[in-house]
C-alpha atoms as a PDB file:
ATOM      1  CA  MET A   1      60.791 -26.424 -87.523  1.00  0.00           C
ATOM      2  CA  THR A   2      62.744 -25.699 -84.424  1.00  0.00           C
ATOM      3  CA  SER A   3      62.982 -21.999 -85.282  1.00  0.00           C
ATOM      4  CA  GLU A   4      60.648 -19.820 -83.150  1.00  0.00           C
ATOM      5  CA  SER A   5      59.847 -17.473 -86.004  1.00  0.00           C
ATOM      6  CA  HIS A   6      58.834 -20.429 -88.156  1.00  0.00           C
ATOM      7  CA  ALA A   7      56.774 -21.907 -85.317  1.00  0.00           C
ATOM      8  CA  THR A   8      54.848 -18.677 -84.768  1.00  0.00           C
ATOM      9  CA  ILE A   9      53.792 -18.615 -88.413  1.00  0.00           C
ATOM     10  CA  LEU A  10      52.268 -22.091 -88.305  1.00  0.00           C
ATOM     11  CA  THR A  11      48.571 -22.494 -87.553  1.00  0.00           C
ATOM     12  CA  ILE A  12      46.874 -25.370 -85.729  1.00  0.00           C
ATOM     13  CA  GLU A  13      45.857 -26.932 -89.032  1.00  0.00           C
ATOM     14  CA  ASP A  14      49.484 -26.883 -90.143  1.00  0.00           C
ATOM     15  CA  LEU A  15      50.511 -28.610 -86.900  1.00  0.00           C
ATOM     16  CA  VAL A  16      47.951 -31.374 -87.280  1.00  0.00           C
ATOM     17  CA  ALA A  17      48.811 -31.841 -90.943  1.00  0.00           C
ATOM     18  CA  THR A  18      52.570 -32.159 -90.304  1.00  0.00           C
ATOM     19  CA  SER A  19      52.210 -34.893 -87.680  1.00  0.00           C
ATOM     20  CA  LEU A  20      54.100 -33.147 -84.868  1.00  0.00           C
ATOM     21  CA  THR A  21      54.694 -34.721 -81.525  1.00  0.00           C
ATOM     22  CA  GLU A  22      52.813 -33.714 -78.381  1.00  0.00           C
ATOM     23  CA  GLU A  23      55.924 -32.009 -77.079  1.00  0.00           C
ATOM     24  CA  GLN A  24      56.226 -29.858 -80.194  1.00  0.00           C
ATOM     25  CA  ILE A  25      52.553 -28.898 -80.010  1.00  0.00           C
ATOM     26  CA  GLU A  26      52.932 -27.927 -76.327  1.00  0.00           C
ATOM     27  CA  ARG A  27      56.009 -25.914 -77.186  1.00  0.00           C
ATOM     28  CA  TYR A  28      54.032 -24.145 -79.918  1.00  0.00           C
ATOM     29  CA  HIS A  29      51.262 -23.293 -77.445  1.00  0.00           C
ATOM     30  CA  ALA A  30      53.824 -22.082 -74.910  1.00  0.00           C
ATOM     31  CA  ILE A  31      55.333 -19.783 -77.546  1.00  0.00           C
ATOM     32  CA  LYS A  32      51.854 -18.465 -78.427  1.00  0.00           C
ATOM     33  CA  LYS A  33      51.091 -17.836 -74.747  1.00  0.00           C
ATOM     34  CA  ARG A  34      54.402 -16.047 -74.275  1.00  0.00           C
ATOM     35  CA  ALA A  35      53.752 -13.907 -77.376  1.00  0.00           C
ATOM     36  CA  ALA A  36      50.246 -13.026 -76.117  1.00  0.00           C
ATOM     37  CA  PHE A  37      51.661 -12.215 -72.678  1.00  0.00           C
ATOM     38  CA  GLN A  38      54.367 -10.012 -74.217  1.00  0.00           C
ATOM     39  CA  LYS A  39      51.753  -8.252 -76.358  1.00  0.00           C
ATOM     40  CA  LYS A  40      49.621  -7.637 -73.272  1.00  0.00           C
ATOM     41  CA  GLN A  41      52.690  -6.349 -71.384  1.00  0.00           C
ATOM     42  CA  LEU A  42      53.498  -4.019 -74.287  1.00  0.00           C
ATOM     43  CA  ILE A  43      49.942  -2.664 -74.253  1.00  0.00           C
ATOM     44  CA  ILE A  44      50.144  -2.104 -70.488  1.00  0.00           C
ATOM     45  CA  PHE A  45      53.566  -0.438 -70.853  1.00  0.00           C
ATOM     46  CA  ASN A  46      52.301   1.865 -73.624  1.00  0.00           C
ATOM     47  CA  ARG A  47      49.235   2.761 -71.546  1.00  0.00           C
ATOM     48  CA  GLN A  48      51.464   3.584 -68.573  1.00  0.00           C
ATOM     49  CA  LYS A  49      53.658   5.742 -70.831  1.00  0.00           C
ATOM     50  CA  ARG A  50      50.582   7.618 -72.073  1.00  0.00           C
ATOM     51  CA  ILE A  51      49.370   8.100 -68.495  1.00  0.00           C
ATOM     52  CA  ALA A  52      52.823   9.333 -67.442  1.00  0.00           C
ATOM     53  CA  ARG A  53      52.934  11.777 -70.385  1.00  0.00           C
ATOM     54  CA  TYR A  54      49.438  12.995 -69.540  1.00  0.00           C
ATOM     55  CA  ARG A  55      50.404  13.515 -65.909  1.00  0.00           C
ATOM     56  CA  LEU A  56      53.580  15.328 -66.944  1.00  0.00           C
ATOM     57  CA  LEU A  57      51.628  17.539 -69.347  1.00  0.00           C
ATOM     58  CA  ARG A  58      49.001  18.216 -66.694  1.00  0.00           C
ATOM     59  CA  THR A  59      51.705  19.132 -64.174  1.00  0.00           C
ATOM     60  CA  ILE A  60      53.422  21.439 -66.671  1.00  0.00           C
ATOM     61  CA  MET A  61      50.114  23.134 -67.493  1.00  0.00           C
ATOM     62  CA  LEU A  62      49.333  23.541 -63.801  1.00  0.00           C
ATOM     63  CA  VAL A  63      52.754  25.072 -63.132  1.00  0.00           C
ATOM     64  CA  LEU A  64      52.396  27.418 -66.118  1.00  0.00           C
ATOM     65  CA  PHE A  65      48.888  28.453 -65.087  1.00  0.00           C
ATOM     66  CA  THR A  66      49.980  29.021 -61.495  1.00  0.00           C
ATOM     67  CA  GLY A  67      52.997  31.037 -62.652  1.00  0.00           C
ATOM     68  CA  ALA A  68      50.905  33.126 -65.035  1.00  0.00           C
ATOM     69  CA  THR A  69      48.341  33.764 -62.305  1.00  0.00           C
ATOM     70  CA  PHE A  70      51.087  34.753 -59.864  1.00  0.00           C
ATOM     71  CA  PHE A  71      52.761  37.140 -62.316  1.00  0.00           C
ATOM     72  CA  TYR A  72      49.416  38.628 -63.323  1.00  0.00           C
ATOM     73  CA  GLY A  73      48.646  39.173 -59.629  1.00  0.00           C
ATOM     74  CA  VAL A  74      52.005  40.896 -59.160  1.00  0.00           C
ATOM     75  CA  TYR A  75      51.311  43.024 -62.248  1.00  0.00           C
ATOM     76  CA  LEU A  76      47.872  44.027 -60.952  1.00  0.00           C
ATOM     77  CA  THR A  77      49.255  44.809 -57.509  1.00  0.00           C
ATOM     78  CA  THR A  78      51.922  47.008 -59.082  1.00  0.00           C
ATOM     79  CA  GLU A  79      49.343  48.790 -61.243  1.00  0.00           C
ATOM     80  CA  VAL A  80      47.060  49.378 -58.252  1.00  0.00           C
ATOM     81  CA  SER A  81      49.963  50.746 -56.209  1.00  0.00           C
ATOM     82  CA  LEU A  82      50.966  53.045 -59.056  1.00  0.00           C
ATOM     83  CA  HIS A  83      47.426  54.366 -59.440  1.00  0.00           C
ATOM     84  CA  GLN A  84      47.050  54.791 -55.680  1.00  0.00           C
ATOM     85  CA  ARG A  85      50.175  56.950 -55.666  1.00  0.00           C
ATOM     86  CA  GLN A  86      48.813  58.987 -58.574  1.00  0.00           C
ATOM     87  CA  VAL A  87      45.481  59.462 -56.791  1.00  0.00           C
ATOM     88  CA  LEU A  88      47.249  60.549 -53.606  1.00  0.00           C
ATOM     89  CA  THR A  89      49.369  63.015 -55.604  1.00  0.00           C
ATOM     90  CA  MET A  90      46.238  64.418 -57.266  1.00  0.00           C
ATOM     91  CA  GLN A  91      44.436  64.658 -53.930  1.00  0.00           C
ATOM     92  CA  ASP A  92      47.386  66.575 -52.468  1.00  0.00           C
ATOM     93  CA  ALA A  93      47.370  68.921 -55.475  1.00  0.00           C
ATOM     94  CA  LEU A  94      43.591  69.399 -55.111  1.00  0.00           C
ATOM     95  CA  ARG A  95      43.929  70.204 -51.408  1.00  0.00           C
ATOM     96  CA  GLU A  96      46.660  72.705 -52.251  1.00  0.00           C
ATOM     97  CA  ARG A  97      44.474  74.373 -54.928  1.00  0.00           C
ATOM     98  CA  ILE A  98      41.503  74.539 -52.545  1.00  0.00           C
ATOM     99  CA  ARG A  99      43.699  76.118 -49.876  1.00  0.00           C
ATOM    100  CA  GLU A 100      45.073  78.620 -52.409  1.00  0.00           C
ATOM    101  CA  ASN A 101      41.535  79.479 -53.597  1.00  0.00           C
ATOM    102  CA  ASP A 102      40.322  79.943 -50.024  1.00  0.00           C
ATOM    103  CA  ASP A 103      43.290  82.200 -49.277  1.00  0.00           C
ATOM    104  CA  MET A 104      42.682  84.202 -52.448  1.00  0.00           C
ATOM    105  CA  GLU A 105      38.974  84.562 -51.667  1.00  0.00           C
ATOM    106  CA  ARG A 106      39.789  85.714 -48.134  1.00  0.00           C
ATOM    107  CA  ARG A 107      42.293  88.301 -49.446  1.00  0.00           C
ATOM    108  CA  ILE A 108      39.778  89.611 -51.973  1.00  0.00           C
ATOM    109  CA  TYR A 109      37.051  89.808 -49.343  1.00  0.00           C
ATOM    110  CA  ASP A 110      39.433  91.536 -46.917  1.00  0.00           C
ATOM    111  CA  SER A 111      40.560  94.002 -49.604  1.00  0.00           C
ATOM    112  CA  VAL A 112      37.016  95.269 -50.191  1.00  0.00           C
ATOM    113  CA  ASP A 113      35.662  97.681 -47.585  1.00  0.00           C
ATOM    114  CA  ILE A 114      31.928  96.924 -47.545  1.00  0.00           C
ATOM    115  CA  LEU A 115      31.026 100.059 -45.578  1.00  0.00           C
ATOM    116  CA  ALA A 116      32.962 102.315 -47.974  1.00  0.00           C
ATOM    117  CA  LEU A 117      31.267 100.591 -50.900  1.00  0.00           C
ATOM    118  CA  LYS A 118      27.821 101.107 -49.318  1.00  0.00           C
ATOM    119  CA  GLU A 119      28.543 104.795 -48.681  1.00  0.00           C
ATOM    120  CA  LYS A 120      29.777 105.257 -52.262  1.00  0.00           C
ATOM    121  CA  ALA A 121      26.590 103.599 -53.642  1.00  0.00           C
ATOM    122  CA  ILE A 122      24.336 105.780 -51.476  1.00  0.00           C
ATOM    123  CA  SER A 123      26.269 108.909 -52.492  1.00  0.00           C
ATOM    124  CA  MET A 124      25.675 107.977 -56.159  1.00  0.00           C
ATOM    125  CA  GLY A 125      21.903 107.780 -55.580  1.00  0.00           C
ATOM    126  CA  LEU A 126      21.345 104.104 -54.877  1.00  0.00           C
ATOM    127  CA  VAL A 127      18.448 103.565 -52.463  1.00  0.00           C
ATOM    128  CA  TYR A 128      16.899 100.591 -50.746  1.00  0.00           C
ATOM    129  CA  PRO A 129      13.745  99.252 -52.507  1.00  0.00           C
ATOM    130  CA  ASP A 130      10.276  99.895 -51.138  1.00  0.00           C
ATOM    131  CA  PRO A 131       8.581  96.823 -49.679  1.00  0.00           C
ATOM    132  CA  GLY A 132       5.883  96.921 -52.377  1.00  0.00           C
ATOM    133  CA  SER A 133       8.337  97.018 -55.277  1.00  0.00           C
ATOM    134  CA  ILE A 134       9.914  93.637 -54.483  1.00  0.00           C
ATOM    135  CA  ILE A 135       8.492  90.695 -56.488  1.00  0.00           C
ATOM    136  CA  HIS A 136       9.109  87.206 -55.193  1.00  0.00           C
ATOM    137  CA  TYR A 137       8.878  84.221 -57.530  1.00  0.00           C
ATOM    138  CA  ASP A 138       9.345  80.474 -57.279  1.00  0.00           C
ATOM    139  CA  PRO A 139      11.499  79.155 -60.119  1.00  0.00           C
ATOM    140  CA  GLY A 140      10.217  75.600 -59.541  1.00  0.00           C
ATOM    141  CA  SER A 141      12.250  72.807 -61.007  1.00  0.00           C
ATOM    142  CA  ASP A 142      13.261  74.802 -64.073  1.00  0.00           C
ATOM    143  CA  ASN A 143      16.258  77.063 -64.042  1.00  0.00           C
ATOM    144  CA  TYR A 144      14.499  79.246 -66.570  1.00  0.00           C
ATOM    145  CA  MET A 145      12.239  82.167 -65.801  1.00  0.00           C
ATOM    146  CA  GLN A 146      10.082  84.003 -68.290  1.00  0.00           C
ATOM    147  CA  ILE A 147       8.998  87.521 -67.413  1.00  0.00           C
ATOM    148  CA  THR A 148       5.645  88.603 -68.760  1.00  0.00           C
ATOM    149  CA  GLU A 149       4.083  91.977 -68.150  1.00  0.00           C
ATOM    150  CA  THR A 150       0.456  92.057 -67.127  1.00  0.00           C
END
């Protein structure tokens, strides 16, 4: 009966029935208290381990989320910069095309002699219209005009 494992198996009824001494009963209760204390300590230790794992997991998730956010921000910044450069290149090309078109229009306009053209038209029989032969119309909101003879 001096073995601790044997003493932890005994119940109070077993102790009373076996006529143990007061000292043995107190020792039994001390062992029970120590076992309860150790069980409580184990529960507290396991809870602290779970809390530590949770905190570690939370920290890892926070670091991963922060890293992903950072890299996504860098990616977006790079994409925006790339598109800004493309827009600037297209704007430069558009300005160049507009300048070329303006130059071409000016050369065409300069190449045509309006007075010579007017004289040629008059020599071919073209005349200015009489004031009564001009018909003015208001197209309204439509871009379509129907001519009817009255």
